[in-house]
């Protein structure tokens, strides 16, 4: 297998990616991390990024992750939220477990149900069942998909125009194209003479 090569190929398996427990808070949008290669003060952050960044990316697909090298003399993790504010975590001289615990306490939720509930409330408001646009039917606010703006009107209540019925092609358009083709053919015959 091509994916089982290189350093620690277990990181590229689906089982490993699904085991991640780092669910970021929904207002965090960008994660920046600064690593100093081959420096003992940065070794804990390097290991954290090596082992946990793939799981973070898999579980939090709406967040952008950036890893920089040697931007500042100290290793750190910085988050930028949706309002443009930044929150930084210093990782100087910490090992991987300390970075993980501090990261988990600062930036993550512990319960997956709580995360989905908060994200849904931010997107759809307090009335989740009726406000979600993909739900329609007798139990929801919209009885039919035709009530959504931009949809074709329901043929049960309103007769569709002939152009939207699928089999109808108006004679005017057929005659229009025939006239154009005849005009082009006549021009071609005139130029040959």
N, C-alpha and C. Protein backbone atom coordinates (compact mmCIF):
# COMPACT_ATOMS: atom_id res chain seq x y z
N UNK A 1 0.83 -1.19 0.00
CA UNK A 1 0.00 0.00 0.00
C UNK A 1 0.87 1.25 0.00
N UNK A 2 0.51 2.21 -0.82
CA UNK A 2 1.28 3.43 -0.94
C UNK A 2 1.22 4.32 0.28
N UNK A 3 0.10 4.26 1.03
CA UNK A 3 -0.03 5.14 2.19
C UNK A 3 0.72 4.62 3.40
N UNK A 4 1.17 3.40 3.39
CA UNK A 4 1.85 2.83 4.54
C UNK A 4 3.36 2.99 4.47
N UNK A 5 3.80 4.04 3.83
CA UNK A 5 5.23 4.34 3.77
C UNK A 5 5.50 5.62 4.53
N UNK A 6 6.76 5.83 4.83
CA UNK A 6 7.14 7.08 5.47
C UNK A 6 7.11 6.97 6.98
N UNK A 7 7.24 8.13 7.62
CA UNK A 7 7.31 8.20 9.07
C UNK A 7 5.91 8.07 9.67
N UNK A 8 5.69 7.13 10.54
CA UNK A 8 4.44 6.91 11.26
C UNK A 8 3.24 6.86 10.32
N UNK A 9 3.15 5.83 9.48
CA UNK A 9 2.05 5.77 8.52
C UNK A 9 0.67 5.58 9.16
N UNK A 10 0.64 5.26 10.44
CA UNK A 10 -0.65 5.09 11.13
C UNK A 10 -1.45 6.38 11.11
N UNK A 11 -0.77 7.53 11.00
CA UNK A 11 -1.46 8.84 11.01
C UNK A 11 -2.37 9.01 9.80
N UNK A 12 -2.17 8.24 8.74
CA UNK A 12 -2.96 8.40 7.53
C UNK A 12 -4.09 7.38 7.42
N UNK A 13 -4.39 6.67 8.48
CA UNK A 13 -5.48 5.70 8.44
C UNK A 13 -6.76 6.33 8.98
N UNK A 14 -7.90 5.87 8.49
CA UNK A 14 -9.18 6.43 8.92
C UNK A 14 -9.47 6.14 10.39
N UNK A 15 -9.05 4.99 10.88
CA UNK A 15 -9.29 4.66 12.28
C UNK A 15 -8.58 5.65 13.19
N UNK A 16 -7.36 6.01 12.84
CA UNK A 16 -6.60 6.97 13.65
C UNK A 16 -7.24 8.35 13.59
N UNK A 17 -7.67 8.77 12.41
CA UNK A 17 -8.26 10.10 12.27
C UNK A 17 -9.58 10.20 13.02
N UNK A 18 -10.36 9.14 13.04
CA UNK A 18 -11.65 9.17 13.73
C UNK A 18 -11.52 9.12 15.25
N UNK A 19 -10.37 8.71 15.76
CA UNK A 19 -10.17 8.63 17.20
C UNK A 19 -9.92 9.99 17.84
N UNK A 20 -9.72 11.01 17.06
CA UNK A 20 -9.42 12.33 17.62
C UNK A 20 -10.55 12.86 18.47
N UNK A 21 -10.21 13.46 19.62
CA UNK A 21 -11.21 14.00 20.53
C UNK A 21 -11.12 15.52 20.63
N UNK A 22 -10.41 16.13 19.69
CA UNK A 22 -10.23 17.57 19.73
C UNK A 22 -11.26 18.24 18.81
N UNK A 23 -12.39 18.65 19.39
CA UNK A 23 -13.42 19.39 18.65
C UNK A 23 -13.31 20.85 19.04
N UNK A 24 -12.92 21.68 18.10
CA UNK A 24 -12.70 23.09 18.40
C UNK A 24 -14.02 23.83 18.60
N UNK A 25 -13.96 24.90 19.35
CA UNK A 25 -15.14 25.74 19.56
C UNK A 25 -15.53 26.37 18.23
N UNK A 26 -16.83 26.57 17.98
CA UNK A 26 -17.27 26.96 16.63
C UNK A 26 -16.86 28.36 16.20
N UNK A 27 -16.49 29.24 17.11
CA UNK A 27 -16.11 30.59 16.68
C UNK A 27 -14.66 30.68 16.26
N UNK A 28 -13.86 29.62 16.43
CA UNK A 28 -12.45 29.63 16.02
C UNK A 28 -12.35 29.28 14.54
N UNK A 29 -11.67 30.11 13.77
CA UNK A 29 -11.65 29.92 12.32
C UNK A 29 -10.25 29.65 11.75
N UNK A 30 -9.19 30.17 12.37
CA UNK A 30 -7.83 29.99 11.84
C UNK A 30 -6.91 29.59 12.99
N UNK A 31 -6.10 28.56 12.77
CA UNK A 31 -5.10 28.15 13.75
C UNK A 31 -3.72 28.37 13.15
N UNK A 32 -2.91 29.16 13.83
CA UNK A 32 -1.53 29.40 13.42
C UNK A 32 -0.62 28.75 14.45
N UNK A 33 0.40 28.08 14.01
CA UNK A 33 1.38 27.52 14.94
C UNK A 33 2.78 27.84 14.42
N UNK A 34 3.65 28.21 15.34
CA UNK A 34 5.03 28.53 15.02
C UNK A 34 5.94 27.49 15.65
N UNK A 35 6.73 26.83 14.85
CA UNK A 35 7.63 25.77 15.31
C UNK A 35 9.05 26.18 14.95
N UNK A 36 9.98 25.93 15.88
CA UNK A 36 11.40 26.16 15.60
C UNK A 36 12.04 24.78 15.42
N UNK A 37 12.41 24.42 14.19
CA UNK A 37 12.95 23.08 13.95
C UNK A 37 14.27 22.84 14.70
N UNK A 38 14.44 21.61 15.18
CA UNK A 38 15.66 21.16 15.86
C UNK A 38 16.01 22.03 17.07
N UNK A 39 15.01 22.48 17.79
CA UNK A 39 15.22 23.26 19.00
C UNK A 39 14.53 22.54 20.16
N UNK A 40 15.22 22.31 21.27
CA UNK A 40 14.62 21.52 22.35
C UNK A 40 13.39 22.18 22.98
N UNK A 41 13.29 23.50 22.95
CA UNK A 41 12.14 24.18 23.54
C UNK A 41 10.88 23.98 22.69
N UNK A 42 11.05 23.61 21.44
CA UNK A 42 9.92 23.46 20.53
C UNK A 42 9.56 21.99 20.26
N UNK A 43 10.24 21.06 20.91
CA UNK A 43 10.03 19.65 20.58
C UNK A 43 8.62 19.17 20.96
N UNK A 44 8.05 19.65 22.07
CA UNK A 44 6.70 19.24 22.46
C UNK A 44 5.65 19.69 21.46
N UNK A 45 5.77 20.92 20.97
CA UNK A 45 4.83 21.42 19.97
C UNK A 45 5.00 20.69 18.64
N UNK A 46 6.25 20.36 18.29
CA UNK A 46 6.49 19.60 17.05
C UNK A 46 5.82 18.23 17.13
N UNK A 47 5.94 17.56 18.23
CA UNK A 47 5.30 16.24 18.39
C UNK A 47 3.78 16.37 18.40
N UNK A 48 3.26 17.41 19.05
CA UNK A 48 1.81 17.63 19.07
C UNK A 48 1.30 17.83 17.65
N UNK A 49 1.98 18.63 16.87
CA UNK A 49 1.56 18.87 15.49
C UNK A 49 1.70 17.60 14.66
N UNK A 50 2.76 16.85 14.87
CA UNK A 50 2.98 15.63 14.11
C UNK A 50 1.88 14.61 14.38
N UNK A 51 1.47 14.44 15.65
CA UNK A 51 0.52 13.39 15.98
C UNK A 51 -0.93 13.85 15.98
N UNK A 52 -1.21 15.10 16.32
CA UNK A 52 -2.61 15.51 16.51
C UNK A 52 -3.14 16.45 15.43
N UNK A 53 -2.30 17.05 14.63
CA UNK A 53 -2.80 17.96 13.59
C UNK A 53 -3.66 17.22 12.55
N UNK A 54 -3.30 16.01 12.09
CA UNK A 54 -4.20 15.32 11.15
C UNK A 54 -5.59 15.05 11.73
N UNK A 55 -5.65 14.69 13.01
CA UNK A 55 -6.95 14.47 13.65
C UNK A 55 -7.72 15.78 13.77
N UNK A 56 -7.03 16.85 14.10
CA UNK A 56 -7.66 18.17 14.18
C UNK A 56 -8.26 18.57 12.84
N UNK A 57 -7.50 18.37 11.78
CA UNK A 57 -7.98 18.73 10.45
C UNK A 57 -9.16 17.87 10.03
N UNK A 58 -9.16 16.61 10.41
CA UNK A 58 -10.25 15.70 10.04
C UNK A 58 -11.54 16.05 10.79
N UNK A 59 -11.43 16.37 12.08
CA UNK A 59 -12.61 16.63 12.90
C UNK A 59 -13.13 18.05 12.75
N UNK A 60 -12.29 19.00 12.33
CA UNK A 60 -12.67 20.41 12.23
C UNK A 60 -12.37 20.90 10.82
N UNK A 61 -13.20 20.53 9.88
CA UNK A 61 -12.91 20.82 8.48
C UNK A 61 -13.19 22.26 8.09
N UNK A 62 -13.90 23.01 8.91
CA UNK A 62 -14.19 24.39 8.58
C UNK A 62 -13.11 25.35 9.10
N UNK A 63 -12.10 24.84 9.77
CA UNK A 63 -11.02 25.66 10.33
C UNK A 63 -9.80 25.55 9.43
N UNK A 64 -9.12 26.69 9.24
CA UNK A 64 -7.90 26.71 8.44
C UNK A 64 -6.70 26.54 9.37
N UNK A 65 -5.79 25.62 9.03
CA UNK A 65 -4.62 25.33 9.86
C UNK A 65 -3.36 25.74 9.11
N UNK A 66 -2.54 26.56 9.76
CA UNK A 66 -1.29 27.02 9.17
C UNK A 66 -0.15 26.74 10.13
N UNK A 67 0.94 26.16 9.64
CA UNK A 67 2.11 25.90 10.46
C UNK A 67 3.30 26.66 9.88
N UNK A 68 3.89 27.53 10.68
CA UNK A 68 5.03 28.33 10.25
C UNK A 68 6.28 27.85 10.96
N UNK A 69 7.42 28.18 10.37
CA UNK A 69 8.70 27.83 10.96
C UNK A 69 9.53 29.09 11.16
N UNK A 70 10.04 29.26 12.37
CA UNK A 70 10.99 30.34 12.72
C UNK A 70 10.43 31.74 12.48
N UNK A 71 9.17 31.96 12.77
CA UNK A 71 8.64 33.32 12.67
C UNK A 71 9.02 34.13 13.90
N UNK A 72 8.99 33.50 15.06
CA UNK A 72 9.39 34.17 16.29
C UNK A 72 10.31 33.23 17.07
N UNK A 73 11.02 33.74 18.06
CA UNK A 73 11.95 32.87 18.81
C UNK A 73 11.26 31.90 19.76
N UNK A 74 9.95 32.03 19.97
CA UNK A 74 9.24 31.13 20.89
C UNK A 74 8.17 30.35 20.13
N UNK A 75 8.02 29.05 20.43
CA UNK A 75 6.95 28.27 19.81
C UNK A 75 5.60 28.62 20.45
N UNK A 76 4.58 28.73 19.62
CA UNK A 76 3.25 29.08 20.13
C UNK A 76 2.17 28.56 19.19
N UNK A 77 0.95 28.53 19.71
CA UNK A 77 -0.25 28.26 18.93
C UNK A 77 -1.14 29.47 19.08
N UNK A 78 -1.65 29.96 17.97
CA UNK A 78 -2.51 31.14 18.00
C UNK A 78 -3.77 30.85 17.21
N UNK A 79 -4.91 31.24 17.77
CA UNK A 79 -6.19 31.10 17.09
C UNK A 79 -6.75 32.47 16.80
N UNK A 80 -7.38 32.60 15.63
CA UNK A 80 -8.10 33.81 15.26
C UNK A 80 -9.57 33.42 15.14
N UNK A 81 -10.43 34.14 15.86
CA UNK A 81 -11.85 33.79 15.84
C UNK A 81 -12.57 34.54 14.73
N UNK A 82 -13.88 34.33 14.65
CA UNK A 82 -14.65 34.90 13.54
C UNK A 82 -14.76 36.42 13.61
N UNK A 83 -14.44 37.03 14.75
CA UNK A 83 -14.50 38.48 14.89
C UNK A 83 -13.15 39.14 14.68
N UNK A 84 -12.11 38.35 14.37
CA UNK A 84 -10.79 38.88 14.11
C UNK A 84 -9.91 38.97 15.35
N UNK A 85 -10.38 38.55 16.49
CA UNK A 85 -9.58 38.59 17.71
C UNK A 85 -8.68 37.36 17.75
N UNK A 86 -7.52 37.51 18.37
CA UNK A 86 -6.59 36.39 18.42
C UNK A 86 -6.35 35.95 19.87
N UNK A 87 -6.15 34.65 20.03
CA UNK A 87 -5.87 34.03 21.32
C UNK A 87 -4.61 33.20 21.13
N UNK A 88 -3.61 33.42 21.97
CA UNK A 88 -2.34 32.72 21.81
C UNK A 88 -2.06 31.82 23.01
N UNK A 89 -1.36 30.73 22.74
CA UNK A 89 -0.95 29.79 23.78
C UNK A 89 0.55 29.56 23.64
N UNK A 90 1.30 29.85 24.69
CA UNK A 90 2.75 29.69 24.67
C UNK A 90 3.10 28.23 24.90
N UNK A 91 3.99 27.67 24.09
CA UNK A 91 4.38 26.26 24.19
C UNK A 91 5.87 26.10 24.44
N UNK A 92 6.51 27.10 24.97
CA UNK A 92 7.96 27.07 25.15
C UNK A 92 8.34 26.05 26.23
N UNK A 93 9.15 25.06 25.87
CA UNK A 93 9.68 24.08 26.79
C UNK A 93 8.67 23.07 27.31
N UNK A 94 7.51 22.93 26.72
CA UNK A 94 6.52 21.97 27.18
C UNK A 94 6.60 20.69 26.35
N UNK A 95 6.26 19.56 26.98
CA UNK A 95 6.25 18.31 26.22
C UNK A 95 4.89 18.14 25.55
N UNK A 96 4.74 17.07 24.79
CA UNK A 96 3.54 16.85 23.98
C UNK A 96 2.28 16.73 24.84
N UNK A 97 2.36 16.03 25.96
CA UNK A 97 1.19 15.84 26.82
C UNK A 97 0.73 17.16 27.44
N UNK A 98 1.67 18.00 27.85
CA UNK A 98 1.30 19.29 28.42
C UNK A 98 0.64 20.18 27.37
N UNK A 99 1.18 20.17 26.16
CA UNK A 99 0.59 20.97 25.09
C UNK A 99 -0.82 20.47 24.79
N UNK A 100 -1.00 19.14 24.76
CA UNK A 100 -2.31 18.55 24.48
C UNK A 100 -3.34 18.96 25.54
N UNK A 101 -2.97 18.82 26.82
CA UNK A 101 -3.90 19.16 27.91
C UNK A 101 -4.27 20.65 27.88
N UNK A 102 -3.28 21.49 27.71
CA UNK A 102 -3.54 22.93 27.68
C UNK A 102 -4.39 23.31 26.47
N UNK A 103 -4.10 22.70 25.33
CA UNK A 103 -4.86 22.95 24.11
C UNK A 103 -6.31 22.50 24.29
N UNK A 104 -6.50 21.33 24.87
CA UNK A 104 -7.83 20.77 25.07
C UNK A 104 -8.66 21.66 26.01
N UNK A 105 -8.05 22.12 27.10
CA UNK A 105 -8.77 22.95 28.07
C UNK A 105 -9.09 24.33 27.52
N UNK A 106 -8.23 24.85 26.66
CA UNK A 106 -8.38 26.22 26.19
C UNK A 106 -9.29 26.34 24.97
N UNK A 107 -9.13 25.46 23.98
CA UNK A 107 -9.77 25.67 22.68
C UNK A 107 -10.84 24.65 22.32
N UNK A 108 -11.06 23.60 23.11
CA UNK A 108 -11.91 22.50 22.67
C UNK A 108 -13.12 22.30 23.56
N UNK A 109 -14.14 21.66 22.98
CA UNK A 109 -15.30 21.18 23.73
C UNK A 109 -15.07 19.71 24.04
N UNK A 110 -15.69 19.27 25.11
CA UNK A 110 -15.51 17.88 25.50
C UNK A 110 -16.62 16.99 24.98
N UNK A 111 -17.82 17.51 24.82
CA UNK A 111 -18.97 16.69 24.44
C UNK A 111 -19.38 16.98 23.00
N UNK A 112 -19.44 15.96 22.18
CA UNK A 112 -19.80 16.12 20.76
C UNK A 112 -21.23 16.61 20.59
N UNK A 113 -22.16 16.14 21.43
CA UNK A 113 -23.54 16.59 21.33
C UNK A 113 -23.66 18.07 21.62
N UNK A 114 -22.90 18.54 22.58
CA UNK A 114 -22.90 19.96 22.91
C UNK A 114 -22.39 20.79 21.73
N UNK A 115 -21.38 20.28 21.05
CA UNK A 115 -20.80 20.99 19.91
C UNK A 115 -21.83 21.12 18.79
N UNK A 116 -22.47 20.01 18.44
CA UNK A 116 -23.45 20.06 17.34
C UNK A 116 -24.63 20.93 17.71
N UNK A 117 -25.05 20.90 18.96
CA UNK A 117 -26.18 21.73 19.39
C UNK A 117 -25.82 23.22 19.29
N UNK A 118 -24.65 23.58 19.73
CA UNK A 118 -24.24 24.99 19.68
C UNK A 118 -24.08 25.46 18.24
N UNK A 119 -23.49 24.64 17.39
CA UNK A 119 -23.32 25.03 15.98
C UNK A 119 -24.68 25.18 15.29
N UNK A 120 -25.60 24.25 15.58
CA UNK A 120 -26.93 24.36 14.98
C UNK A 120 -27.67 25.58 15.48
N UNK A 121 -27.52 25.90 16.77
CA UNK A 121 -28.18 27.09 17.29
C UNK A 121 -27.62 28.36 16.68
N UNK A 122 -26.32 28.39 16.43
CA UNK A 122 -25.72 29.56 15.80
C UNK A 122 -26.22 29.71 14.37
N UNK A 123 -26.42 28.59 13.66
CA UNK A 123 -26.82 28.65 12.27
C UNK A 123 -28.32 28.86 12.10
N UNK A 124 -29.15 28.20 12.92
CA UNK A 124 -30.58 28.17 12.66
C UNK A 124 -31.43 28.80 13.76
N UNK A 125 -30.85 29.24 14.85
CA UNK A 125 -31.63 29.83 15.92
C UNK A 125 -32.11 28.78 16.90
N UNK A 126 -33.03 29.18 17.77
CA UNK A 126 -33.46 28.28 18.84
C UNK A 126 -34.44 27.21 18.34
N UNK A 127 -35.23 27.50 17.32
CA UNK A 127 -36.21 26.54 16.81
C UNK A 127 -35.56 25.72 15.69
N UNK A 128 -34.80 24.69 16.08
CA UNK A 128 -34.02 23.92 15.11
C UNK A 128 -34.91 23.15 14.14
N UNK A 129 -35.97 22.57 14.64
CA UNK A 129 -36.77 21.67 13.82
C UNK A 129 -37.44 22.40 12.66
N UNK A 130 -37.98 23.57 12.91
CA UNK A 130 -38.73 24.28 11.89
C UNK A 130 -37.89 25.21 11.03
N UNK A 131 -36.75 25.65 11.52
CA UNK A 131 -35.96 26.64 10.78
C UNK A 131 -34.97 26.03 9.81
N UNK A 132 -34.72 24.76 9.90
CA UNK A 132 -33.75 24.15 8.99
C UNK A 132 -34.34 24.12 7.59
N UNK A 133 -33.64 24.64 6.58
CA UNK A 133 -34.22 24.75 5.24
C UNK A 133 -34.40 23.41 4.54
N UNK A 134 -33.68 22.37 4.93
CA UNK A 134 -33.80 21.11 4.21
C UNK A 134 -35.01 20.29 4.66
N UNK A 135 -35.70 20.70 5.74
CA UNK A 135 -36.85 19.95 6.23
C UNK A 135 -38.14 20.51 5.64
N UNK A 136 -38.93 19.67 5.04
CA UNK A 136 -40.27 20.04 4.60
C UNK A 136 -41.16 18.82 4.64
N UNK A 137 -42.44 19.07 4.80
CA UNK A 137 -43.41 18.00 4.92
C UNK A 137 -44.52 18.40 5.87
N UNK A 138 -45.44 17.49 6.21
CA UNK A 138 -46.58 17.86 7.04
C UNK A 138 -46.21 18.23 8.48
N UNK A 139 -45.07 17.77 8.99
CA UNK A 139 -44.68 18.05 10.37
C UNK A 139 -43.85 19.32 10.52
N UNK A 140 -43.46 19.93 9.42
CA UNK A 140 -42.56 21.07 9.48
C UNK A 140 -43.25 22.34 9.01
N UNK A 141 -42.52 23.44 9.07
CA UNK A 141 -43.09 24.73 8.70
C UNK A 141 -43.49 24.79 7.24
N UNK A 142 -42.68 24.19 6.37
CA UNK A 142 -43.00 24.16 4.93
C UNK A 142 -43.60 22.80 4.59
N UNK A 143 -44.76 22.83 3.96
CA UNK A 143 -45.42 21.60 3.60
C UNK A 143 -44.85 21.00 2.32
N UNK A 144 -44.37 21.86 1.41
CA UNK A 144 -43.86 21.39 0.12
C UNK A 144 -42.61 22.18 -0.23
N UNK A 145 -41.75 21.61 -1.04
CA UNK A 145 -40.52 22.28 -1.45
C UNK A 145 -40.82 23.49 -2.33
N UNK A 146 -42.00 23.52 -2.93
CA UNK A 146 -42.35 24.63 -3.81
C UNK A 146 -42.55 25.93 -3.04
N UNK A 147 -42.68 25.86 -1.71
CA UNK A 147 -42.84 27.07 -0.90
C UNK A 147 -41.53 27.78 -0.65
N UNK A 148 -40.41 27.14 -0.94
CA UNK A 148 -39.09 27.77 -0.77
C UNK A 148 -38.87 28.71 -1.94
N UNK A 149 -38.34 29.91 -1.64
CA UNK A 149 -38.08 30.89 -2.70
C UNK A 149 -37.10 30.33 -3.72
N UNK A 150 -37.39 30.57 -4.99
CA UNK A 150 -36.52 30.13 -6.06
C UNK A 150 -36.86 28.76 -6.62
N UNK A 151 -37.83 28.07 -6.04
CA UNK A 151 -38.22 26.75 -6.53
C UNK A 151 -39.35 26.88 -7.55
N UNK A 152 -39.52 25.86 -8.35
CA UNK A 152 -40.60 25.83 -9.35
C UNK A 152 -41.93 25.71 -8.60
N UNK A 153 -42.96 26.44 -9.02
CA UNK A 153 -44.25 26.32 -8.33
C UNK A 153 -44.80 24.90 -8.42
N UNK A 154 -45.58 24.53 -7.44
CA UNK A 154 -46.12 23.17 -7.36
C UNK A 154 -47.18 22.95 -8.44
N UNK A 155 -47.04 21.93 -9.28
CA UNK A 155 -48.01 21.69 -10.33
C UNK A 155 -49.38 21.26 -9.79
N UNK A 156 -49.48 20.90 -8.53
CA UNK A 156 -50.77 20.54 -7.96
C UNK A 156 -51.67 21.76 -7.79
N UNK A 157 -51.07 22.93 -7.58
CA UNK A 157 -51.86 24.12 -7.33
C UNK A 157 -51.80 25.14 -8.46
N UNK A 158 -50.77 25.10 -9.26
CA UNK A 158 -50.58 26.10 -10.31
C UNK A 158 -50.09 25.40 -11.57
N UNK A 159 -50.67 25.74 -12.70
CA UNK A 159 -50.27 25.13 -13.96
C UNK A 159 -48.90 25.69 -14.36
N UNK A 160 -48.00 24.79 -14.68
CA UNK A 160 -46.67 25.21 -15.08
C UNK A 160 -46.70 25.83 -16.48
N UNK A 161 -45.83 26.78 -16.75
CA UNK A 161 -45.73 27.30 -18.10
C UNK A 161 -45.27 26.20 -19.05
N UNK A 162 -45.61 26.33 -20.31
CA UNK A 162 -45.28 25.29 -21.28
C UNK A 162 -43.78 25.07 -21.41
N UNK A 163 -42.98 26.12 -21.19
CA UNK A 163 -41.53 25.99 -21.33
C UNK A 163 -40.93 25.09 -20.25
N UNK A 164 -41.62 24.97 -19.09
CA UNK A 164 -41.09 24.18 -17.99
C UNK A 164 -41.62 22.75 -17.96
N UNK A 165 -42.40 22.37 -18.92
CA UNK A 165 -42.98 21.02 -18.92
C UNK A 165 -42.06 19.97 -19.51
N UNK A 166 -41.00 20.33 -20.18
CA UNK A 166 -40.02 19.37 -20.64
C UNK A 166 -40.17 18.92 -22.06
N UNK A 167 -41.37 18.63 -22.51
CA UNK A 167 -41.57 18.12 -23.86
C UNK A 167 -41.93 19.22 -24.84
N UNK A 168 -42.23 20.38 -24.34
CA UNK A 168 -42.72 21.47 -25.20
C UNK A 168 -41.57 22.29 -25.74
N UNK A 169 -41.52 22.46 -27.04
CA UNK A 169 -40.60 23.42 -27.66
C UNK A 169 -41.44 24.30 -28.56
N UNK A 170 -41.46 25.58 -28.31
CA UNK A 170 -42.35 26.44 -29.08
C UNK A 170 -41.98 26.50 -30.55
N UNK A 171 -42.99 26.63 -31.39
CA UNK A 171 -42.77 26.70 -32.83
C UNK A 171 -42.00 27.95 -33.22
N UNK A 172 -42.20 29.00 -32.46
CA UNK A 172 -41.51 30.24 -32.80
C UNK A 172 -39.99 30.08 -32.76
N UNK A 173 -39.49 29.37 -31.77
CA UNK A 173 -38.04 29.18 -31.69
C UNK A 173 -37.56 28.27 -32.81
N UNK A 174 -38.35 27.24 -33.14
CA UNK A 174 -37.95 26.37 -34.26
C UNK A 174 -37.91 27.18 -35.55
N UNK A 175 -38.97 27.96 -35.80
CA UNK A 175 -39.01 28.76 -37.02
C UNK A 175 -37.90 29.81 -37.03
N UNK A 176 -37.58 30.36 -35.88
CA UNK A 176 -36.53 31.37 -35.79
C UNK A 176 -35.19 30.77 -36.23
N UNK A 177 -34.84 29.58 -35.72
CA UNK A 177 -33.57 28.95 -36.09
C UNK A 177 -33.56 28.53 -37.56
N UNK A 178 -34.70 28.07 -38.05
CA UNK A 178 -34.77 27.71 -39.47
C UNK A 178 -34.52 28.93 -40.35
N UNK A 179 -35.12 30.06 -40.00
CA UNK A 179 -34.91 31.30 -40.76
C UNK A 179 -33.45 31.73 -40.74
N UNK A 180 -32.81 31.59 -39.59
CA UNK A 180 -31.39 31.96 -39.48
C UNK A 180 -30.54 31.04 -40.35
N UNK A 181 -30.83 29.73 -40.31
CA UNK A 181 -30.07 28.79 -41.14
C UNK A 181 -30.27 29.07 -42.62
N UNK A 182 -31.50 29.36 -43.02
CA UNK A 182 -31.77 29.67 -44.43
C UNK A 182 -31.04 30.95 -44.85
N UNK A 183 -31.03 31.96 -43.99
CA UNK A 183 -30.34 33.21 -44.30
C UNK A 183 -28.84 32.96 -44.46
N UNK A 184 -28.27 32.13 -43.60
CA UNK A 184 -26.84 31.82 -43.71
C UNK A 184 -26.54 31.06 -45.00
N UNK A 185 -27.40 30.12 -45.35
CA UNK A 185 -27.20 29.37 -46.59
C UNK A 185 -27.30 30.28 -47.81
N UNK A 186 -28.24 31.22 -47.80
CA UNK A 186 -28.36 32.14 -48.93
C UNK A 186 -27.14 33.04 -49.06
N UNK A 187 -26.61 33.49 -47.92
CA UNK A 187 -25.41 34.33 -47.95
C UNK A 187 -24.23 33.54 -48.50
N UNK A 188 -24.15 32.27 -48.12
CA UNK A 188 -23.06 31.42 -48.62
C UNK A 188 -23.18 31.19 -50.12
N UNK A 189 -24.39 31.04 -50.65
CA UNK A 189 -24.58 30.83 -52.07
C UNK A 189 -24.29 32.11 -52.86
N UNK A 190 -24.63 33.26 -52.27
CA UNK A 190 -24.39 34.53 -52.94
C UNK A 190 -22.89 34.82 -53.06
N UNK A 191 -22.15 34.45 -52.03
CA UNK A 191 -20.70 34.71 -52.07
C UNK A 191 -19.99 33.80 -53.07
N UNK A 192 -20.53 32.59 -53.33
CA UNK A 192 -19.91 31.68 -54.29
C UNK A 192 -20.10 32.15 -55.72
N UNK A 193 -21.15 32.86 -56.01
CA UNK A 193 -21.45 33.29 -57.38
C UNK A 193 -20.65 34.48 -57.76
